Amino acid sequence: MGKLILYGIDLSPPVRACRMTLKELNLPFEYKIIDLSKGEHLTDEYCAKNPQHTVPTLEDDGHIIWDSHAIMAYLVNKYGKENDSLYPKDLLKRAIVDQRLHFESGVIFEGALRSITSQIFSGNDTNIPRSKIDAILKIYDLLEVFLKSAPYVAGLNVTIADFSIVSTVTTLLAFIDIDVNKYPKLSTWLKRMESLPHYHETNGSGALRFVNASPPVRACLMTLKALDIPFEYKIVDLLNKEHLSEEYCAKNPQHTVPTLEDDGNFIWDSHAIMAYLVSKYGKDDAFYPKDLLKRAVVDQRLHFESGVMFQGGLRNITAPLFFKNETKIPRSKIDAIVDVYNFLELFLKNGPYMAGSHLTIADFSIVSTATSLVNFVEVDAGKYPKLTAWLKRMETLPYYQETNGKGAQKIKEMIKMKDACPSVRACLMTLKALDIPFEYKIVDLPSKEHLSEEYCAMNPQHTVPTLEDDGNFICDSHAIMAYLVSKHAKDDAFYPKDLLKRAFVDQRLHFESGVMFQGGLRNIIAPLFSKNETKIPRSKIDAIVDVYNFLESFLKNGPYMAGPHLTIADFSIVSTATSLVNFLEIDAGKYPKLTVWLKRMETLPYYQETNGKGAQKFKEMIEMKGVTIVD
């Protein structure tokens, strides 16, 4: 076993989640603090490890992985026991865990927590709009649903999903408490997580400091702790811009936390770090390779697409455009797309495809969204030569026009055909690439077919796409693609053998990264910390309410977010959910399962150590900002 190094800050929920995982797996690791305030995450050294310059970043024997969710999955897969419930091999169970992880990264962390904290700490704006608080409430609603029939967010057992979620949820508490009566299951889950042996060390203590509030860092910390990996934790002082120093940027070009250093190799982005750690240290090909480094890169790209490209870029424009007829697009949203192009160009620096030298599902996922973004900002061939060449390369695929080309064209026609949905197109491309026969049924969204009882019975989140395979239902394009590759590829190189379990985990992961993280948390904390916009619009709070509703639904058939067992999906979701509660309390009466789930997570022996304390500190910081909700 090589040396494990986790880069991050205690304040980060994702970092805390990774630490929880490492402790749970009993993995030795070094924890290096990245001073974001000093710009250490922007140094050439750090950016060389993690071009996205985020935390956490995991380094394992010279290999770099980022994104807490990816790190946790990696740790469990590599260092966990043969049948480790932290990240189950059963594909259906794993898919649930993955979905919970993505819900945390996209909705809880990005859409809710970051949307508020960025406003407070960057711009000193303590007036939090009501909409941002409502967004937290929606998150509580969904968490309550997730915990409806199981003690953990992904089922009967604690998983990395619980680690990730609890680290962020305990941060959200700084903005809005969880109403025990409205969210009995969520409240119970939180207490359950707090009972984990390593909770206070990996999540609780980090919550006591501002730099420890980062959900991504906490998620990685939870993963490291869950795997019981020894590591050195180095605090990155964001206030002093340590993350912008040349040294840190050399490790993580995106100058973010967490960043993981493992034997000289650097990894950033909490999702990638978690997957890397679990895969390498948990006891346990072309489209999704078995090679851990290659798989980690693919995971990072997938999370980048779901959280940054789709939710933060495309959905941030199309949601108000199609639902509110807001045709005036702010310059800031256009700038966000430019940032996406810059990163994509960087990703293609060392290979013809997004994750390296071979075509993977990451390319399918990214191209489906990229070809939609071009409707708002064209790709300048002179400025982005590699991105331009990649787009043309993708167009040469024999099944491109049928699965993505036509749909991309129709987005210009106000998306009257559901083929225009980027996530649906990504799945179609995967099906075609694998030459899998299938029946394609159009779901008429304008006619609200996705809201029918029949459809909601298949997909409580009532989104597209949804895959039905022999009576089993899977939703979220990322989870579907991983499932298809795992089950229908000629070997199990693309994904774990148990297809149903892995598919559920992936779905939860991307829901978290795109909806919870990007659409919920980030939508609030971005203006809060960047512009000090302390007034949170009611619309952003409503987004949190939607999240809560989904989480409550997820928990309908199991104690955890992904089913009967605790997974990394629970870790991811709880870390962000506990941050969203700072903006919108979880009504135990309305979200009984979510409330119970939170209490269940709190009973984990290492909950307080890895998430509780950090969430408490984050709450104190938010209270100091004096955020308010405006209608």
Foldseek 3Di string as FASTA:
>chain_A
DFAKFKFAAQLALLLLLLLLLLQLLLAFEAAAAAAQQQQLLQALQLQLQAVLSAATWMAAQQFIFAAQQLQQQQQQQAAAAAQDLQQGLQAQLNLLQQLLQQLLAALLAAAAAQQAQQQCAAALAAAAAQQSLLLLQLQQQLLLQCQAAEQAAAFAAAYLLQQQAQQQLLQQQLAAAAACQQAVLQQQQQQLQQQAAAALAAAQQLLQDNRSSRSSSSSSSSSSSSSSRRHHRHHHNSSNRSLHHNNSCSSRNSSHHNWMHISNHIHHRSSLSSSSSSSNNNNHAQQQFNPSSLNSLLRVLLLCCQRQQVQVAVCVPVVCCQVVVPPDDDPVNVVSVVVVLVVQLVCPPAELANRHPGHYLSRLLNLLRNLQNCVPPNDDCVVRVSVVSSNVVQVPPPCCCVLRVVLSVCVVVVCQFVSVPSLRSSLVVLCVVLVHDDDDDTQGVVVPSLVDPVNCVQPVLSDDDWDADPNHIAHTSQLSSLLCCCDRPPHNRNHRNNRSSSSNSSSSSSSSSNQNNNNRSSSNSSSCSNNVNLNHHSSNSSSNSSSSSSNSSCSNARSHSNHNHRHSSSSSSSSSSNSSNSSYHHNCNSSVSSSSSSSSSSSNNSNSSSRNNSSNSSSVSSVVSNYHHHD
